[in-house]
Protein backbone atom coordinates (compact mmCIF):
# COMPACT_ATOMS: atom_id res chain seq x y z
CA UNK A 1 61.47 -22.94 43.28
CA UNK A 2 60.54 -21.68 39.87
CA UNK A 3 63.46 -21.65 37.48
CA UNK A 4 63.10 -19.48 34.38
CA UNK A 5 65.21 -19.49 31.28
CA UNK A 6 65.43 -15.72 31.55
CA UNK A 7 68.81 -14.99 33.11
CA UNK A 8 68.48 -11.26 33.33
CA UNK A 9 67.29 -11.39 36.92
CA UNK A 10 70.47 -13.00 38.17
CA UNK A 11 72.19 -9.72 37.44
CA UNK A 12 69.42 -7.64 38.93
CA UNK A 13 68.73 -9.12 42.34
CA UNK A 14 69.86 -12.30 44.04
CA UNK A 15 66.62 -13.12 45.76
CA UNK A 16 64.27 -12.66 42.82
CA UNK A 17 62.21 -15.74 43.40
CA UNK A 18 58.46 -15.57 43.81
CA UNK A 19 57.36 -16.25 47.37
CA UNK A 20 55.78 -19.68 47.86
CA UNK A 21 57.94 -20.77 44.90
CA UNK A 22 60.31 -22.81 47.08
CA UNK A 23 59.31 -26.38 46.37
CA UNK A 24 61.58 -27.91 48.96
CA UNK A 25 60.74 -25.62 51.89
CA UNK A 26 59.50 -27.00 55.19
CA UNK A 27 56.05 -25.72 56.11
CA UNK A 28 55.60 -28.03 59.08
CA UNK A 29 55.40 -25.05 61.40
CA UNK A 30 52.65 -23.35 59.50
CA UNK A 31 50.51 -26.15 58.13
CA UNK A 32 47.38 -26.85 60.16
CA UNK A 33 46.26 -30.44 60.71
CA UNK A 34 43.54 -31.81 58.46
CA UNK A 35 41.72 -35.07 58.90
CA UNK A 36 41.33 -36.82 55.56
CA UNK A 37 37.71 -37.00 54.44
CA UNK A 38 36.07 -40.38 54.80
CA UNK A 39 34.74 -41.88 51.59
CA UNK A 40 31.20 -41.13 52.77
CA UNK A 41 31.97 -37.48 53.56
CA UNK A 42 33.83 -37.12 50.29
CA UNK A 43 30.80 -38.42 48.44
CA UNK A 44 28.57 -35.92 50.21
CA UNK A 45 30.89 -33.09 49.20
CA UNK A 46 30.94 -34.29 45.60
CA UNK A 47 27.15 -34.34 45.55
CA UNK A 48 27.00 -30.81 47.02
CA UNK A 49 29.43 -29.60 44.35
CA UNK A 50 27.31 -31.20 41.63
CA UNK A 51 24.42 -29.07 42.84
CA UNK A 52 26.54 -25.90 42.80
CA UNK A 53 27.63 -25.06 39.24
CA UNK A 54 29.26 -21.79 40.32
CA UNK A 55 30.78 -20.18 43.41
CA UNK A 56 27.65 -18.15 44.10
CA UNK A 57 25.59 -21.34 44.34
CA UNK A 58 27.61 -23.01 47.11
CA UNK A 59 25.23 -23.82 49.92
CA UNK A 60 25.08 -21.53 52.94
CA UNK A 61 24.76 -22.62 56.57
CA UNK A 62 21.36 -21.93 58.10
CA UNK A 63 20.63 -18.31 59.06
CA UNK A 64 23.07 -16.72 56.61
CA UNK A 65 22.47 -14.60 53.52
CA UNK A 66 24.99 -13.57 50.91
CA UNK A 67 26.10 -9.93 51.02
CA UNK A 68 25.39 -7.75 48.01
CA UNK A 69 27.94 -7.65 45.20
CA UNK A 70 27.70 -4.66 42.87
CA UNK A 71 27.09 -5.32 39.20
CA UNK A 72 30.38 -5.47 37.33
CA UNK A 73 32.40 -5.78 40.55
CA UNK A 74 35.21 -8.21 41.29
CA UNK A 75 32.89 -9.85 43.81
CA UNK A 76 30.22 -10.50 41.20
CA UNK A 77 32.87 -11.94 38.88
CA UNK A 78 34.18 -14.33 41.56
CA UNK A 79 30.69 -15.53 42.42
CA UNK A 80 30.07 -16.34 38.78
CA UNK A 81 33.16 -18.53 38.36
CA UNK A 82 32.26 -22.02 37.24
CA UNK A 83 32.99 -25.13 39.30
CA UNK A 84 34.34 -28.28 37.67
CA UNK A 85 31.68 -30.97 37.52
CA UNK A 86 33.36 -33.86 35.71
CA UNK A 87 35.61 -34.92 38.60
CA UNK A 88 36.60 -33.95 42.10
CA UNK A 89 40.37 -34.38 41.79
CA UNK A 90 42.88 -31.51 42.02
CA UNK A 91 45.47 -32.00 39.29
CA UNK A 92 48.95 -30.56 39.08
CA UNK A 93 50.21 -28.61 36.07
CA UNK A 94 51.72 -31.78 34.59
CA UNK A 95 48.57 -33.87 34.92
CA UNK A 96 49.55 -35.71 38.08
CA UNK A 97 47.14 -35.79 41.00
CA UNK A 98 47.89 -33.57 43.98
CA UNK A 99 49.03 -35.68 46.93
CA UNK A 100 46.63 -34.05 49.40
CA UNK A 101 43.13 -34.51 48.04
CA UNK A 102 41.54 -33.64 51.40
CA UNK A 103 42.10 -29.87 51.32
CA UNK A 104 39.54 -28.83 48.73
CA UNK A 105 35.77 -28.53 48.61
CA UNK A 106 35.52 -27.87 44.88
CA UNK A 107 37.71 -26.95 41.93
CA UNK A 108 37.42 -23.93 39.67
CA UNK A 109 36.94 -24.60 35.98
CA UNK A 110 40.02 -22.65 34.90
CA UNK A 111 43.29 -23.90 33.46
CA UNK A 112 46.47 -24.16 35.49
CA UNK A 113 48.86 -24.00 32.52
CA UNK A 114 51.50 -26.59 31.66
CA UNK A 115 54.42 -25.14 33.65
CA UNK A 116 55.08 -25.03 37.38
CA UNK A 117 54.18 -21.35 37.62
CA UNK A 118 50.62 -20.77 38.86
CA UNK A 119 51.20 -21.46 42.53
CA UNK A 120 49.75 -19.60 45.53
CA UNK A 121 49.94 -15.82 45.01
CA UNK A 122 49.98 -16.48 41.28
CA UNK A 123 46.45 -17.89 41.46
CA UNK A 124 45.29 -14.79 43.33
CA UNK A 125 46.84 -12.55 40.67
CA UNK A 126 45.39 -14.77 37.93
CA UNK A 127 41.81 -14.29 39.07
CA UNK A 128 42.25 -10.56 39.60
CA UNK A 129 43.84 -10.17 36.16
CA UNK A 130 41.18 -12.32 34.48
CA UNK A 131 38.47 -10.08 35.91
CA UNK A 132 40.18 -6.90 34.72
CA UNK A 133 40.86 -8.40 31.30
CA UNK A 134 37.21 -9.38 30.95
CA UNK A 135 36.26 -5.80 31.85
CA UNK A 136 38.79 -4.53 29.28
CA UNK A 137 40.42 -2.51 32.07
CA UNK A 138 43.84 -3.21 30.56
CA UNK A 139 45.43 -0.16 32.18
CA UNK A 140 44.68 -1.61 35.63
CA UNK A 141 46.42 -4.93 35.00
CA UNK A 142 49.84 -4.48 36.54
CA UNK A 143 51.89 -6.45 39.04
CA UNK A 144 55.33 -5.91 40.49
CA UNK A 145 58.26 -8.24 40.11
CA UNK A 146 59.86 -9.32 43.37
CA UNK A 147 62.38 -6.46 43.14
CA UNK A 148 59.52 -3.94 43.06
CA UNK A 149 59.59 -3.23 39.32
CA UNK A 150 56.03 -2.70 38.00
CA UNK A 151 55.15 -4.65 34.88
CA UNK A 152 51.89 -3.38 33.32
CA UNK A 153 50.01 -5.54 30.85
CA UNK A 154 49.21 -2.55 28.63
CA UNK A 155 52.90 -1.97 27.94
CA UNK A 156 53.46 -5.67 27.32
CA UNK A 157 50.44 -5.76 24.99
CA UNK A 158 51.84 -2.81 23.04
CA UNK A 159 54.83 -4.97 22.14
CA UNK A 160 57.38 -3.91 24.76
CA UNK A 161 59.49 -6.45 26.63
CA UNK A 162 61.63 -6.15 29.75
CA UNK A 163 65.36 -5.91 29.07
CA UNK A 164 68.36 -5.48 31.34
CA UNK A 165 71.50 -3.38 31.20
CA UNK A 166 73.73 -4.24 34.13
CA UNK A 167 71.51 -3.76 37.16
CA UNK A 168 69.04 -1.54 35.33
CA UNK A 169 65.80 -2.70 33.76
CA UNK A 170 64.23 -1.05 30.77
CA UNK A 171 61.51 -1.72 28.22
CA UNK A 172 62.28 -2.27 24.56
CA UNK A 173 59.80 -2.37 21.68
CA UNK A 174 60.11 -5.91 20.32
CA UNK A 175 56.90 -6.73 18.49
CA UNK A 176 53.55 -5.37 17.38
CA UNK A 177 50.60 -4.62 19.64
CA UNK A 178 48.62 -7.68 20.72
CA UNK A 179 45.81 -7.56 23.28
CA UNK A 180 44.64 -11.10 22.51
CA UNK A 181 43.93 -13.60 25.25
CA UNK A 182 46.87 -15.88 24.33
CA UNK A 183 49.22 -12.92 24.67
CA UNK A 184 47.57 -12.01 27.97
CA UNK A 185 48.33 -15.53 29.23
CA UNK A 186 51.96 -15.16 28.15
CA UNK A 187 52.11 -11.94 30.17
CA UNK A 188 50.71 -13.74 33.20
CA UNK A 189 53.29 -16.51 32.90
CA UNK A 190 55.99 -13.84 32.98
CA UNK A 191 54.42 -12.36 36.12
CA UNK A 192 54.11 -15.77 37.76
CA UNK A 193 57.80 -16.45 37.09
CA UNK A 194 59.05 -13.26 38.76
CA UNK A 195 56.40 -12.28 41.29
CA UNK A 196 54.91 -13.98 44.31
CA UNK A 197 53.57 -13.46 47.81
CA UNK A 198 56.55 -11.26 48.77
CA UNK A 199 55.84 -8.72 46.04
CA UNK A 200 52.05 -9.00 46.09
CA UNK A 201 51.85 -8.36 49.84
CA UNK A 202 53.60 -5.04 49.29
CA UNK A 203 51.11 -4.03 46.58
CA UNK A 204 48.03 -4.54 48.75
CA UNK A 205 46.57 -2.33 51.49
CA UNK A 206 46.11 -3.66 54.99
CA UNK A 207 42.52 -4.07 56.21
CA UNK A 208 42.55 -2.88 59.80
CA UNK A 209 39.03 -4.00 60.72
CA UNK A 210 38.54 -7.67 59.83
CA UNK A 211 34.79 -7.23 60.22
CA UNK A 212 34.94 -5.13 57.04
CA UNK A 213 36.16 -8.09 54.99
CA UNK A 214 35.05 -7.92 51.35
CA UNK A 215 34.78 -10.39 48.48
CA UNK A 216 38.06 -10.24 46.58
CA UNK A 217 40.20 -9.46 49.62
CA UNK A 218 43.44 -11.38 50.02
CA UNK A 219 44.75 -13.15 53.12
CA UNK A 220 48.47 -13.18 52.57
CA UNK A 221 51.79 -13.77 54.28
CA UNK A 222 54.53 -12.48 52.02
CA UNK A 223 57.85 -14.23 52.27
CA UNK A 224 60.21 -16.96 51.14
CA UNK A 225 58.13 -19.04 51.46
CA UNK A 226 54.81 -17.28 51.87
CA UNK A 227 51.25 -18.03 50.95
CA UNK A 228 48.05 -16.31 49.84
CA UNK A 229 44.38 -17.21 49.59
CA UNK A 230 41.54 -15.25 47.99
CA UNK A 231 38.18 -14.42 49.57
CA UNK A 232 35.70 -15.79 47.02
CA UNK A 233 32.36 -15.05 48.66
CA UNK A 234 30.89 -13.63 51.87
CA UNK A 235 27.63 -14.15 53.72
CA UNK A 236 26.20 -12.50 56.82
CA UNK A 237 24.03 -13.92 59.58
CA UNK A 238 20.60 -12.32 59.41
CA UNK A 239 20.36 -11.95 63.21
CA UNK A 240 23.88 -11.50 64.56
CA UNK A 241 25.59 -9.90 61.55
CA UNK A 242 28.45 -12.42 61.79
CA UNK A 243 30.28 -12.78 58.49
CA UNK A 244 31.48 -16.02 56.96
CA UNK A 245 33.57 -16.40 53.82
CA UNK A 246 34.93 -18.84 51.25
CA UNK A 247 38.64 -19.12 50.48
CA UNK A 248 40.39 -20.36 47.34
CA UNK A 249 44.01 -21.18 46.65
CA UNK A 250 46.57 -22.83 44.48
CA UNK A 251 49.63 -24.35 46.11
CA UNK A 252 52.92 -26.06 45.34
CA UNK A 253 53.57 -27.46 42.81
CA UNK A 254 51.32 -25.41 40.53
CA UNK A 255 47.83 -26.90 40.67
CA UNK A 256 44.21 -26.25 39.86
CA UNK A 257 42.65 -23.43 41.87
CA UNK A 258 40.28 -24.82 44.47
CA UNK A 259 37.94 -23.70 47.23
CA UNK A 260 39.21 -24.88 50.61
CA UNK A 261 37.39 -26.93 53.21
CA UNK A 262 37.43 -25.60 56.78
CA UNK A 263 39.23 -28.23 58.88
CA UNK A 264 38.44 -26.58 62.23
CA UNK A 265 34.78 -25.63 61.76
CA UNK A 266 33.40 -28.69 60.04
CA UNK A 267 29.83 -27.62 60.82
CA UNK A 268 30.04 -24.65 58.46
CA UNK A 269 32.71 -25.94 56.04
CA UNK A 270 33.64 -24.83 53.41
CA UNK A 271 32.79 -21.47 55.00
CA UNK A 272 35.13 -19.73 57.45
CA UNK A 273 34.36 -17.34 60.30
CA UNK A 274 36.58 -14.56 61.63
CA UNK A 275 34.96 -15.09 65.03
CA UNK A 276 36.49 -18.54 65.49
CA UNK A 277 40.01 -17.47 66.47
CA UNK A 278 42.66 -14.82 66.02
CA UNK A 279 44.16 -17.20 63.49
CA UNK A 280 42.76 -18.55 60.25
CA UNK A 281 43.52 -22.25 59.97
CA UNK A 282 43.37 -23.48 56.38
CA UNK A 283 44.26 -27.06 55.42
CA UNK A 284 47.77 -26.21 54.28
CA UNK A 285 48.63 -22.90 55.91
CA UNK A 286 47.85 -20.91 59.05
CA UNK A 287 47.27 -17.16 58.80
CA UNK A 288 46.67 -14.38 61.31
CA UNK A 289 43.65 -12.10 61.06
CA UNK A 290 46.11 -9.26 60.55
CA UNK A 291 47.10 -10.84 57.21
CA UNK A 292 43.91 -9.53 55.57
CA UNK A 293 44.66 -7.13 52.69
CA UNK A 294 42.85 -5.40 49.81
CA UNK A 295 43.53 -4.36 46.22
CA UNK A 296 44.21 -0.71 45.59
CA UNK A 297 41.61 0.91 43.35
């Protein structure tokens, strides 16, 4: 689990650990089987990635067309995210290689940081926050700590820091205003340390009709442990209207964000279909369709 030097949370709540931040938990009951890619298949994937410099260029199965994404939307932002081209290895925060190199289709060209913080739900929050920061929508960047306390970036950027008095939290002006990107990353590290799937799941709205899935939606099981993946892109069949989607994740330990392969529908991988089953089998976690949630506007 993530261990922070900040001790204030020990006095506030005993279970203040971000979901999916339990490094030693057993996920054997929730992890779906994945056959390791053969060297030939891996080479084919690497070649496909080389031809797709960004998410929106990942090849579609025959008969499908990408759904529209409004200009300036979260969906447009996600489609424009760059894919790493120099290698096809998912690295951990400390530079080591992830043990399971068979779960990913491609890797986003975005840093993971140098601490074991940006794990599953953290990666989802990272991409949402990066979009809002790019749009200068600072007032909309806010996430809750695991105890439910909201921590808005705007207040952090104005120089306020979270303090504790007994079991009560309060903000104290500690420094000058700073909306710079390095300070934004420091804010995110604070969020990653004290938030996770448990808190994020409570912040999102349930999507009751899975056929209304949208780019930027989150498939999440909040808990200790829990997990979350982000819907990166969606396409629709031109005849049947069936929707398929791409999913991205980080995992444990903190690692580079990557688009997942589909271990159970190899014919359309890395795309997923809601029509396959009532469950969504990803390489390292199994979700239910009812786990689909959406950001609140």
